[in-house]
Amino acid sequence: MNAPENIAKIPSTAHAASPLAKQAAATFDQLGLSLTDRLGADLPVFSPIDGSELATLGMDTPGDIDAVVANARTAFAAWKLVPAPHRGELVRRYGALVREHKEALSLLLSIENGKILTEARGEVQEVIDICEYAVGLSRQLFGLTIASERPEHRLTEYWHPMGVLGLISAFNFPAAVWAWGTTVALVCGDSAIWKPSEKTPLTALAFAGLLEKAAADYDLAPANLIQVVVGDARCGTAIADHPDVAIVSATGSVRMGQDVAVRLARRFARPVLELGGNNAAIIAPSADLDLALRGAVFAATGTCGQRCTTLRRLIVHNSIRDAFVQRLIATFATLRIGTPLDDATHVGPLIDRMAFDGMQRALEQARAEGGIVHGGERLDIEGGADGYYVRPAIAEMPGQTAIVREETFAPILYVMGYDTLDEAIALQNGVSQGLSSSIFTSDVREAERFQSAEGSDCGIVNVNIGTSGAEIGGAFGGEKVTGGGRVSGSDSWKNYMRRATATVNYSASLPLAQGVKFDLDIDP
């Protein structure tokens, strides 16, 4: 399909396509992908940059899930028999396609999601990096040989493909989170079903479309190895409830995760949950304050505060608090807020009005709880009249009040003071979420204690860097209501496989474990 056909077909309305819709259409053409089979009248897709419509798609329904899962089961039956290094070859080919089209994919992601181009490029690079990680992993799915207590016995542990992975992702990282789980699951021998956010389906169709293209050119890859479900929460529920979906990886709100977890527990399916994050950083008196300032500002305002690892609470020693807050306010004032397609922009728009309204409610509550708020207002951006651009907010709080303990998915940084490290750690841990944490200090004792069992209770514990920007090699995820899942990195590949313990007796006798005697008189 050529570019003019795309431009004519992607927008659903009768008026002329917006410039952003034309750019989105041209991206699909550049990728060699067609949206024809996905067009419909159910789901209008808008750009947060200016509120313009990018496309209208047809939506899958819960009634479609049985057929999707059946296809995935058939694909799994064939794919699990392919040797893991050959499964890795498919992921290698996919990574090469993503690398080839990095700039086009970054532009589409920025248009649909609203994050600034440098962050969009970083997310696409993360997809490329996780492909390389998964390819290496395909030759390292190690089991164990275990010492047996019985003579002439061998005790080993194997890892085998698990089944169908159902992956439910959020809008804020519309490509990376999917790649974290899916590429690893593929080398582990699983098939995958992806239900992306309804706010970013075009990005999903582009990234999955390239994987489908790579699979179509690879003789060992069965049909329907990866499928995309464009649907609402009911489709996510149907995936979570389906008895033939072995693993469900879900990224999103705590409320959503609680619902999914209960559904999976009922049928003893495997959950991989990455949910809320109300992340804090401690600024100690010995900290390199220039470093701390840079780390705090990016962590608090990157992706317009819409990262699960966004810095939301800043706990500053009282001896430096006032001066540090003034530097924060001055630095926030220098942030360039505008279209994410301008490389000079620091902060793009919120995803939509719902996010903006949630931010305003949180700021009102912060004021009611004694906070002093700087910023937070909506900005009039040229060319973005229907976009929700805001000035990131700093809220000086008298303590860890009710609103501070909540996660608002917006650029609000609550600042509190402390006197002792015990007090600071108690504040850090005094919320229900447990994803990411940080301390800025030059005191090795403070740094080590923060990482110890009596320090941060989060899944990610950083020293002298902010709370966001995790690397792919480390297990990513958190504790408490963050869900306890580890979606990728380290040994999280075990989430996508099943373990089998095998004992081989190569003797002529049959000794039992633990010295159990069970002698029988058997006629020769």
Protein backbone atom coordinates (compact mmCIF):
# COMPACT_ATOMS: atom_id res chain seq x y z
CA MET A 1 0.00 0.00 0.00
CA ASN A 2 1.45 3.38 -0.91
CA ALA A 3 1.44 6.54 1.17
CA PRO A 4 -1.54 8.30 -0.47
CA GLU A 5 -3.74 5.25 0.21
CA ASN A 6 -2.67 5.22 3.82
CA ILE A 7 -3.38 8.90 4.25
CA ALA A 8 -6.83 8.46 2.79
CA LYS A 9 -7.73 5.44 4.88
CA ILE A 10 -6.30 5.93 8.35
CA PRO A 11 -8.39 8.93 9.53
CA SER A 12 -12.04 8.00 10.03
CA THR A 13 -13.64 11.40 9.70
CA ALA A 14 -14.78 13.07 6.53
CA HIS A 15 -12.60 16.17 7.00
CA ALA A 16 -9.02 16.30 5.75
CA ALA A 17 -6.45 14.32 7.63
CA SER A 18 -4.47 16.27 10.21
CA PRO A 19 -0.73 16.70 9.70
CA LEU A 20 -0.06 14.26 12.52
CA ALA A 21 -2.42 11.69 11.00
CA LYS A 22 -0.52 12.01 7.73
CA GLN A 23 2.76 11.48 9.55
CA ALA A 24 1.37 8.39 11.29
CA ALA A 25 0.11 7.04 7.97
CA ALA A 26 3.43 7.67 6.28
CA THR A 27 5.17 5.77 9.09
CA PHE A 28 3.14 2.63 8.45
CA ASP A 29 3.88 2.93 4.76
CA GLN A 30 7.59 3.30 5.52
CA LEU A 31 7.47 0.17 7.68
CA GLY A 32 5.78 -1.74 4.89
CA LEU A 33 2.73 -2.40 7.07
CA SER A 34 -0.97 -2.07 6.31
CA LEU A 35 -3.72 -1.04 8.72
CA THR A 36 -6.55 -1.92 6.35
CA ASP A 37 -7.71 -4.95 8.34
CA ARG A 38 -7.66 -2.96 11.57
CA LEU A 39 -9.71 0.04 10.49
CA GLY A 40 -13.24 0.41 11.81
CA ALA A 41 -15.59 2.69 13.66
CA ASP A 42 -15.07 1.64 17.28
CA LEU A 43 -11.91 3.25 18.66
CA PRO A 44 -10.83 6.78 17.71
CA VAL A 45 -7.15 7.32 18.45
CA PHE A 46 -5.98 10.82 19.32
CA SER A 47 -2.60 12.49 19.60
CA PRO A 48 -1.91 14.19 22.94
CA ILE A 49 0.20 16.73 21.01
CA ASP A 50 -2.80 18.65 19.67
CA GLY A 51 -5.82 16.43 20.31
CA SER A 52 -6.21 15.60 16.62
CA GLU A 53 -7.52 12.25 15.48
CA LEU A 54 -4.93 9.88 14.10
CA ALA A 55 -7.14 6.94 13.13
CA THR A 56 -10.25 5.01 14.02
CA LEU A 57 -9.84 1.30 14.54
CA GLY A 58 -12.15 -1.66 14.87
CA MET A 59 -12.03 -3.32 18.27
CA ASP A 60 -11.84 -6.94 19.24
CA THR A 61 -14.44 -8.18 21.70
CA PRO A 62 -14.31 -10.68 24.56
CA GLY A 63 -16.02 -13.13 22.22
CA ASP A 64 -12.95 -13.07 19.98
CA ILE A 65 -10.56 -14.20 22.69
CA ASP A 66 -11.31 -17.94 22.43
CA ALA A 67 -10.19 -18.00 18.80
CA VAL A 68 -7.12 -15.88 19.55
CA VAL A 69 -6.07 -18.20 22.38
CA ALA A 70 -6.72 -21.27 20.23
CA ASN A 71 -4.39 -19.85 17.58
CA ALA A 72 -1.78 -19.13 20.25
CA ARG A 73 -2.03 -22.68 21.61
CA THR A 74 -1.47 -24.11 18.13
CA ALA A 75 1.54 -21.84 17.63
CA PHE A 76 2.94 -22.83 21.04
CA ALA A 77 2.71 -26.53 20.22
CA ALA A 78 5.06 -26.00 17.27
CA TRP A 79 7.30 -23.26 18.72
CA LYS A 80 8.18 -25.13 21.92
CA LEU A 81 9.85 -27.82 19.78
CA VAL A 82 12.18 -25.32 18.10
CA PRO A 83 15.61 -25.26 19.83
CA ALA A 84 16.03 -22.14 21.94
CA PRO A 85 18.99 -20.73 19.94
CA HIS A 86 16.84 -20.92 16.80
CA ARG A 87 14.04 -19.15 18.66
CA GLY A 88 16.60 -16.50 19.48
CA GLU A 89 17.31 -16.09 15.76
CA LEU A 90 13.75 -14.82 15.22
CA VAL A 91 14.25 -12.22 17.95
CA ARG A 92 17.59 -11.23 16.41
CA ARG A 93 15.89 -10.62 13.06
CA TYR A 94 13.17 -8.61 14.75
CA GLY A 95 15.70 -6.46 16.57
CA ALA A 96 17.41 -5.74 13.25
CA LEU A 97 14.11 -4.54 11.76
CA VAL A 98 13.46 -2.26 14.74
CA ARG A 99 16.98 -0.85 14.45
CA GLU A 100 16.48 -0.23 10.72
CA HIS A 101 13.29 1.71 11.38
CA LYS A 102 14.25 3.33 14.69
CA GLU A 103 13.57 6.92 13.68
CA ALA A 104 10.19 6.19 12.07
CA LEU A 105 9.07 4.16 15.09
CA SER A 106 10.26 6.89 17.46
CA LEU A 107 8.24 9.50 15.58
CA LEU A 108 5.08 7.37 15.66
CA LEU A 109 5.52 6.68 19.37
CA SER A 110 5.97 10.38 20.12
CA ILE A 111 2.94 11.35 18.05
CA GLU A 112 0.65 8.83 19.76
CA ASN A 113 2.08 8.87 23.28
CA GLY A 114 3.31 12.48 23.61
CA LYS A 115 6.76 11.79 25.10
CA ILE A 116 9.58 13.92 23.78
CA LEU A 117 11.58 12.58 20.85
CA THR A 118 14.73 11.85 22.82
CA GLU A 119 12.71 9.69 25.22
CA ALA A 120 10.85 8.05 22.34
CA ARG A 121 14.17 7.19 20.72
CA GLY A 122 15.33 5.86 24.06
CA GLU A 123 12.30 3.61 24.31
CA VAL A 124 12.85 2.22 20.81
CA GLN A 125 16.51 1.67 21.69
CA GLU A 126 15.31 -0.24 24.73
CA VAL A 127 13.37 -2.57 22.42
CA ILE A 128 16.55 -3.10 20.38
CA ASP A 129 18.58 -3.71 23.53
CA ILE A 130 16.12 -6.21 24.99
CA CYS A 131 16.19 -8.11 21.69
CA GLU A 132 19.97 -8.42 22.03
CA TYR A 133 19.56 -9.47 25.65
CA ALA A 134 16.99 -12.12 24.69
CA VAL A 135 19.14 -13.47 21.87
CA GLY A 136 22.01 -14.03 24.31
CA LEU A 137 19.60 -15.55 26.79
CA SER A 138 18.47 -18.11 24.21
CA ARG A 139 21.78 -19.94 24.75
CA GLN A 140 21.73 -19.59 28.54
CA LEU A 141 18.46 -21.11 29.77
CA PHE A 142 20.43 -23.09 32.30
CA GLY A 143 19.16 -25.85 34.55
CA LEU A 144 21.02 -27.45 37.43
CA THR A 145 22.74 -30.70 38.28
CA ILE A 146 22.12 -31.40 41.96
CA ALA A 147 24.04 -33.75 44.24
CA SER A 148 21.92 -36.82 44.94
CA GLU A 149 21.99 -38.54 48.32
CA ARG A 150 21.49 -41.91 46.59
CA PRO A 151 24.39 -43.72 44.92
CA GLU A 152 24.37 -44.01 41.15
CA HIS A 153 21.57 -41.48 40.78
CA ARG A 154 21.58 -38.22 38.88
CA LEU A 155 19.34 -35.37 40.03
CA THR A 156 18.78 -32.54 37.55
CA GLU A 157 16.51 -29.56 37.05
CA TYR A 158 15.18 -28.58 33.64
CA TRP A 159 13.31 -25.54 32.35
CA HIS A 160 10.66 -26.03 29.67
CA PRO A 161 8.39 -23.64 27.70
CA MET A 162 5.35 -22.65 29.75
CA GLY A 163 2.55 -21.95 27.27
CA VAL A 164 0.63 -18.88 26.12
CA LEU A 165 1.64 -15.48 27.50
CA GLY A 166 -1.05 -12.83 27.76
CA LEU A 167 0.51 -9.38 28.07
CA ILE A 168 -1.51 -6.31 29.05
CA SER A 169 0.42 -3.03 28.75
CA ALA A 170 -0.13 0.63 29.58
CA PHE A 171 0.14 3.76 27.42
CA ASN A 172 3.23 5.29 28.99
CA PHE A 173 5.73 2.77 27.60
CA PRO A 174 3.74 1.44 24.66
CA ALA A 175 6.62 -0.56 23.15
CA ALA A 176 9.31 -1.27 25.75
CA VAL A 177 7.16 -3.06 28.33
CA TRP A 178 5.79 -5.36 25.65
CA ALA A 179 9.28 -6.10 24.36
CA TRP A 180 10.59 -6.80 27.88
CA GLY A 181 8.20 -9.70 28.29
CA THR A 182 7.50 -10.89 24.76
CA THR A 183 11.05 -11.22 23.43
CA VAL A 184 12.11 -13.16 26.51
CA ALA A 185 8.96 -15.31 26.37
CA LEU A 186 9.64 -16.08 22.70
CA VAL A 187 13.15 -17.39 23.35
CA CYS A 188 11.71 -19.37 26.26
CA GLY A 189 9.39 -21.11 23.77
CA ASP A 190 6.08 -19.38 24.51
CA SER A 191 3.58 -17.80 22.16
CA ALA A 192 2.16 -14.38 23.05
CA ILE A 193 -1.02 -12.33 22.96
CA TRP A 194 -0.71 -8.58 23.45
CA LYS A 195 -3.52 -6.31 24.60
CA PRO A 196 -2.08 -2.79 24.48
CA SER A 197 -3.64 0.32 25.97
CA GLU A 198 -6.54 1.71 23.96
CA LYS A 199 -4.66 5.03 24.06
CA THR A 200 -1.67 3.75 22.08
CA PRO A 201 -2.81 0.97 19.72
CA LEU A 202 -1.01 2.31 16.63
CA THR A 203 2.38 1.95 18.29
CA ALA A 204 1.46 -1.60 19.25
CA LEU A 205 0.37 -2.49 15.72
CA ALA A 206 3.59 -1.07 14.30
CA PHE A 207 5.95 -2.92 16.66
CA ALA A 208 3.99 -6.17 16.52
CA GLY A 209 3.64 -5.82 12.75
CA LEU A 210 7.40 -5.82 12.35
CA LEU A 211 7.65 -8.95 14.49
CA GLU A 212 4.99 -10.61 12.37
CA LYS A 213 6.98 -9.63 9.29
CA ALA A 214 10.14 -11.18 10.78
CA ALA A 215 8.22 -14.35 11.65
CA ALA A 216 6.72 -14.61 8.17
CA ASP A 217 10.25 -14.66 6.71
CA TYR A 218 11.50 -17.29 9.18
CA ASP A 219 10.71 -20.90 8.28
CA LEU A 220 10.77 -22.12 11.88
CA ALA A 221 8.19 -19.61 13.15
CA PRO A 222 4.57 -20.83 13.15
CA ALA A 223 1.61 -18.63 12.27
CA ASN A 224 0.02 -16.59 15.08
CA LEU A 225 3.10 -16.72 17.27
CA ILE A 226 2.32 -13.14 18.31
CA GLN A 227 -1.19 -11.67 18.12
CA VAL A 228 -2.47 -8.21 19.03
CA VAL A 229 -5.90 -7.70 20.60
CA VAL A 230 -7.19 -4.15 20.18
CA GLY A 231 -9.87 -4.05 22.84
CA ASP A 232 -11.03 -2.57 26.10
CA ALA A 233 -10.71 -3.85 29.65
CA ARG A 234 -13.22 -6.61 28.97
CA CYS A 235 -10.73 -8.22 26.59
CA GLY A 236 -8.07 -8.03 29.29
CA THR A 237 -10.48 -9.76 31.66
CA ALA A 238 -11.19 -12.47 29.09
CA ILE A 239 -7.46 -13.09 28.67
CA ALA A 240 -6.93 -13.26 32.44
CA ASP A 241 -9.83 -15.69 32.81
CA HIS A 242 -8.96 -17.97 29.91
CA PRO A 243 -7.86 -21.44 31.09
CA ASP A 244 -5.37 -21.80 28.22
CA VAL A 245 -3.41 -18.63 29.01
CA ALA A 246 -0.59 -19.87 31.24
CA ILE A 247 1.03 -16.53 32.16
CA VAL A 248 -0.43 -13.04 32.37
CA SER A 249 1.93 -10.07 32.55
CA ALA A 250 0.00 -6.91 33.41
CA THR A 251 1.31 -3.37 33.73
CA GLY A 252 -0.98 -0.63 34.98
CA SER A 253 -2.89 0.55 38.01
CA VAL A 254 -3.07 -1.20 41.36
CA ARG A 255 -6.83 -1.59 40.95
CA MET A 256 -6.37 -3.37 37.62
CA GLY A 257 -3.62 -5.57 39.06
CA GLN A 258 -5.74 -6.59 42.02
CA ASP A 259 -8.52 -7.69 39.70
CA VAL A 260 -6.14 -9.63 37.44
CA ALA A 261 -4.36 -11.25 40.38
CA VAL A 262 -7.61 -12.59 41.85
CA ARG A 263 -8.68 -14.00 38.49
CA LEU A 264 -5.34 -15.73 37.98
CA ALA A 265 -5.31 -17.09 41.53
CA ARG A 266 -8.67 -18.74 40.97
CA ARG A 267 -7.18 -20.90 38.22
CA PHE A 268 -3.59 -21.03 39.52
CA ALA A 269 -2.16 -19.25 36.50
CA ARG A 270 1.12 -17.38 36.78
CA PRO A 271 0.99 -13.59 37.37
CA VAL A 272 3.72 -11.10 36.47
CA LEU A 273 2.43 -7.79 37.84
CA GLU A 274 4.06 -4.37 37.54
CA LEU A 275 1.70 -1.85 39.11
CA GLY A 276 1.86 1.46 40.98
CA GLY A 277 4.97 3.35 41.97
CA ASN A 278 5.11 6.23 44.47
CA ASN A 279 8.85 6.64 44.32
CA ALA A 280 11.00 8.69 46.69
CA ALA A 281 14.53 10.08 46.78
CA ILE A 282 16.39 11.09 49.92
CA ILE A 283 18.77 14.07 49.69
CA ALA A 284 21.35 13.77 52.48
CA PRO A 285 23.45 16.70 53.79
CA SER A 286 26.58 15.19 52.25
CA ALA A 287 25.02 14.85 48.77
CA ASP A 288 26.52 16.37 45.64
CA LEU A 289 23.67 18.86 45.35
CA ASP A 290 24.25 19.65 41.68
CA LEU A 291 24.03 15.95 40.87
CA ALA A 292 20.98 15.55 43.09
CA LEU A 293 19.25 18.49 41.42
CA ARG A 294 19.78 17.12 37.93
CA GLY A 295 18.69 13.65 38.99
CA ALA A 296 15.57 14.88 40.75
CA VAL A 297 14.41 17.16 37.93
CA PHE A 298 14.62 14.52 35.21
CA ALA A 299 13.11 11.79 37.40
CA ALA A 300 10.21 14.07 38.37
CA THR A 301 9.42 15.55 34.95
CA GLY A 302 10.50 12.97 32.36
CA THR A 303 7.58 11.67 30.27
CA CYS A 304 5.58 14.49 31.87
CA GLY A 305 5.55 12.57 35.15
CA GLN A 306 3.90 9.55 33.54
CA ARG A 307 6.48 6.87 34.31
CA CYS A 308 5.91 4.15 36.87
CA THR A 309 9.38 5.09 38.16
CA THR A 310 8.72 8.85 38.22
CA LEU A 311 10.07 10.63 41.31
CA ARG A 312 7.01 11.72 43.27
CA ARG A 313 8.39 12.28 46.79
CA LEU A 314 11.57 14.16 47.66
CA ILE A 315 12.81 13.80 51.24
CA VAL A 316 15.42 16.50 51.93
CA HIS A 317 17.47 16.99 55.07
CA ASN A 318 16.15 20.01 56.94
CA SER A 319 19.58 21.67 57.03
CA ILE A 320 19.54 22.05 53.23
CA ARG A 321 15.83 21.85 52.48
CA ASP A 322 14.98 25.53 51.95
CA ALA A 323 17.95 26.23 49.71
CA PHE A 324 17.42 23.05 47.70
CA VAL A 325 13.72 23.79 47.16
CA GLN A 326 14.56 27.24 45.85
CA ARG A 327 16.97 25.70 43.35
CA LEU A 328 14.30 23.21 42.34
CA ILE A 329 11.75 25.96 41.74
CA ALA A 330 14.25 27.96 39.69
CA THR A 331 15.21 24.92 37.61
CA PHE A 332 11.60 23.89 36.99
CA ALA A 333 11.00 27.40 35.66
CA THR A 334 13.66 26.86 32.97
CA LEU A 335 12.06 23.68 31.59
CA ARG A 336 11.01 24.02 27.96
CA ILE A 337 7.45 22.74 27.68
CA GLY A 338 5.94 22.21 24.25
CA THR A 339 5.53 19.88 21.33
CA PRO A 340 7.47 16.67 21.86
CA LEU A 341 8.49 16.74 18.19
CA ASP A 342 10.89 19.62 18.89
CA ASP A 343 14.26 18.27 19.99
CA ALA A 344 14.69 21.25 22.31
CA THR A 345 11.60 20.37 24.39
CA HIS A 346 12.06 19.00 27.90
CA VAL A 347 8.44 18.17 28.75
CA GLY A 348 5.62 17.24 26.39
CA PRO A 349 1.89 16.94 27.11
CA LEU A 350 -0.08 14.76 29.47
CA ILE A 351 -1.80 11.90 27.68
CA ASP A 352 -5.32 13.38 27.92
CA ARG A 353 -7.81 15.43 29.90
CA MET A 354 -8.39 12.68 32.43
CA ALA A 355 -4.73 12.88 33.41
CA PHE A 356 -4.93 16.68 33.66
CA ASP A 357 -8.06 16.58 35.82
CA GLY A 358 -6.43 14.03 38.12
CA MET A 359 -3.42 16.29 38.50
CA GLN A 360 -5.56 19.29 39.39
CA ARG A 361 -7.52 17.32 41.99
CA ALA A 362 -4.29 16.17 43.59
CA LEU A 363 -2.93 19.72 43.77
CA GLU A 364 -6.15 20.97 45.34
CA GLN A 365 -5.93 18.26 47.97
CA ALA A 366 -2.26 19.07 48.59
CA ARG A 367 -3.21 22.70 49.28
CA ALA A 368 -6.02 21.56 51.58
CA GLU A 369 -3.53 19.43 53.51
CA GLY A 370 -1.22 22.39 54.12
CA GLY A 371 0.97 22.23 51.04
CA ILE A 372 2.48 25.20 49.20
CA VAL A 373 2.23 24.53 45.47
CA HIS A 374 4.49 26.01 42.81
CA GLY A 375 3.38 25.47 39.20
CA GLY A 376 0.90 22.86 37.99
CA GLU A 377 -1.13 25.13 35.73
CA ARG A 378 -2.17 24.33 32.18
CA LEU A 379 -0.13 26.11 29.51
CA ASP A 380 -1.18 27.57 26.18
CA ILE A 381 1.20 25.99 23.65
CA GLU A 382 1.26 27.10 20.04
CA GLY A 383 -0.27 24.38 17.89
CA GLY A 384 -1.44 22.44 20.93
CA ALA A 385 -4.77 24.03 21.76
CA ASP A 386 -6.43 20.67 22.44
CA GLY A 387 -3.39 19.16 24.16
CA TYR A 388 -2.92 19.14 27.92
CA TYR A 389 0.41 20.83 28.56
CA VAL A 390 1.22 21.68 32.18
CA ARG A 391 3.99 23.23 34.16
CA PRO A 392 5.43 20.52 36.43
CA ALA A 393 4.48 21.19 40.03
CA ILE A 394 6.45 21.29 43.27
CA ALA A 395 4.39 20.91 46.45
CA GLU A 396 6.12 21.75 49.74
CA MET A 397 4.34 19.54 52.24
CA PRO A 398 4.21 19.63 56.05
CA GLY A 399 4.57 15.85 56.13
CA GLN A 400 3.56 12.67 54.35
CA THR A 401 -0.14 13.47 54.13
CA ALA A 402 -2.88 11.41 52.49
CA ILE A 403 -2.33 12.80 48.99
CA VAL A 404 1.43 12.26 49.22
CA ARG A 405 0.82 8.58 49.91
CA GLU A 406 -1.22 8.28 46.71
CA GLU A 407 0.25 7.97 43.21
CA THR A 408 -0.93 10.66 40.80
CA PHE A 409 0.25 9.93 37.27
CA ALA A 410 1.38 13.48 36.55
CA PRO A 411 4.42 15.73 37.17
CA ILE A 412 3.89 16.55 40.84
CA LEU A 413 6.89 16.45 43.17
CA TYR A 414 6.03 16.48 46.87
CA VAL A 415 8.88 17.77 49.06
CA MET A 416 9.28 16.93 52.74
CA GLY A 417 12.02 17.39 55.33
CA TYR A 418 13.81 15.03 57.70
CA ASP A 419 16.35 15.17 60.53
CA THR A 420 17.69 11.61 60.87
CA LEU A 421 18.26 8.82 58.37
CA ASP A 422 15.87 6.61 60.36
CA GLU A 423 13.17 9.22 59.81
CA ALA A 424 13.97 9.48 56.10
CA ILE A 425 13.84 5.72 55.56
CA ALA A 426 10.56 5.53 57.47
CA LEU A 427 9.09 8.17 55.14
CA GLN A 428 10.47 6.37 52.08
CA ASN A 429 8.90 3.08 53.17
CA GLY A 430 5.73 4.63 54.57
CA VAL A 431 3.58 4.15 51.46
CA SER A 432 1.83 1.11 50.03
CA GLN A 433 3.85 1.12 46.80
CA GLY A 434 7.35 -0.34 46.55
CA LEU A 435 8.81 0.12 43.08
CA SER A 436 11.82 2.47 42.93
CA SER A 437 13.83 4.48 45.45
CA SER A 438 16.98 6.56 45.62
CA ILE A 439 19.39 8.27 47.99
CA PHE A 440 21.86 11.00 47.15
CA THR A 441 24.74 10.89 49.62
CA SER A 442 28.53 10.88 49.84
CA ASP A 443 28.41 8.95 53.11
CA VAL A 444 29.19 5.28 52.42
CA ARG A 445 27.47 4.18 55.61
CA GLU A 446 24.25 5.89 54.59
CA ALA A 447 24.47 4.45 51.08
CA GLU A 448 25.05 0.92 52.32
CA ARG A 449 22.36 1.12 54.95
CA PHE A 450 19.83 2.35 52.40
CA GLN A 451 20.52 -0.75 50.29
CA SER A 452 20.42 -3.14 53.25
CA ALA A 453 17.51 -5.07 54.75
CA GLU A 454 16.83 -2.15 57.12
CA GLY A 455 16.81 0.36 54.25
CA SER A 456 14.53 0.81 51.26
CA ASP A 457 11.74 -1.77 50.86
CA CYS A 458 11.52 -1.25 47.08
CA GLY A 459 12.42 -3.56 44.24
CA ILE A 460 14.78 -0.91 42.82
CA VAL A 461 17.26 0.80 45.15
CA ASN A 462 19.55 3.48 43.67
CA VAL A 463 22.44 5.52 45.03
CA ASN A 464 23.33 8.89 43.50
CA ILE A 465 20.99 8.48 40.54
CA GLY A 466 17.29 9.19 40.26
CA THR A 467 14.44 6.72 40.51
CA SER A 468 13.89 6.30 36.77
CA GLY A 469 16.01 4.95 33.95
CA ALA A 470 16.43 1.27 34.89
CA GLU A 471 18.74 -0.84 32.74
CA ILE A 472 17.52 -3.99 31.01
CA GLY A 473 20.00 -6.32 32.71
CA GLY A 474 18.54 -5.82 36.17
CA ALA A 475 15.24 -7.37 37.23
CA PHE A 476 12.58 -4.68 36.90
CA GLY A 477 9.66 -4.59 39.31
CA GLY A 478 8.66 -3.86 42.87
CA GLU A 479 7.11 -5.04 46.10
CA LYS A 480 3.94 -4.41 48.13
CA VAL A 481 1.07 -3.15 45.93
CA THR A 482 3.50 -2.76 43.03
CA GLY A 483 2.73 -6.45 42.60
CA GLY A 484 5.99 -8.29 43.20
CA GLY A 485 6.49 -9.10 39.53
CA ARG A 486 9.76 -8.96 37.60
CA VAL A 487 8.95 -8.45 33.94
CA SER A 488 12.47 -8.69 32.55
CA GLY A 489 16.17 -8.75 33.39
CA SER A 490 18.28 -10.97 35.68
CA ASP A 491 16.61 -14.39 36.08
CA SER A 492 13.08 -13.18 35.34
CA TRP A 493 13.09 -15.50 32.31
CA LYS A 494 12.01 -18.16 34.80
CA ASN A 495 8.60 -16.45 34.91
CA TYR A 496 8.05 -17.61 31.33
CA MET A 497 9.09 -21.25 31.80
CA ARG A 498 8.10 -24.23 33.93
CA ARG A 499 10.55 -26.16 36.09
CA ALA A 500 10.91 -29.94 36.03
CA THR A 501 13.05 -31.90 38.50
CA ALA A 502 14.25 -35.23 37.12
CA THR A 503 15.93 -38.19 38.84
CA VAL A 504 17.74 -40.86 36.83
CA ASN A 505 18.71 -44.14 38.49
CA TYR A 506 21.54 -45.82 36.59
CA SER A 507 22.12 -48.51 39.22
CA ALA A 508 20.68 -52.03 39.51
CA SER A 509 19.11 -51.29 42.90
CA LEU A 510 16.32 -49.03 44.08
CA PRO A 511 17.39 -47.09 47.18
CA LEU A 512 14.81 -44.67 48.54
CA ALA A 513 15.48 -41.15 49.73
CA GLN A 514 15.83 -40.31 53.44
CA GLY A 515 16.79 -43.92 54.17
CA VAL A 516 13.24 -45.21 53.80
CA LYS A 517 13.03 -49.01 53.72
CA PHE A 518 10.38 -50.75 51.63
CA ASP A 519 11.65 -54.27 51.00
CA LEU A 520 9.58 -56.64 48.89
CA ASP A 521 9.88 -60.35 48.17
CA ILE A 522 9.72 -60.48 44.39
CA ASP A 523 9.89 -63.83 42.62
CA PRO A 524 12.81 -64.01 40.15
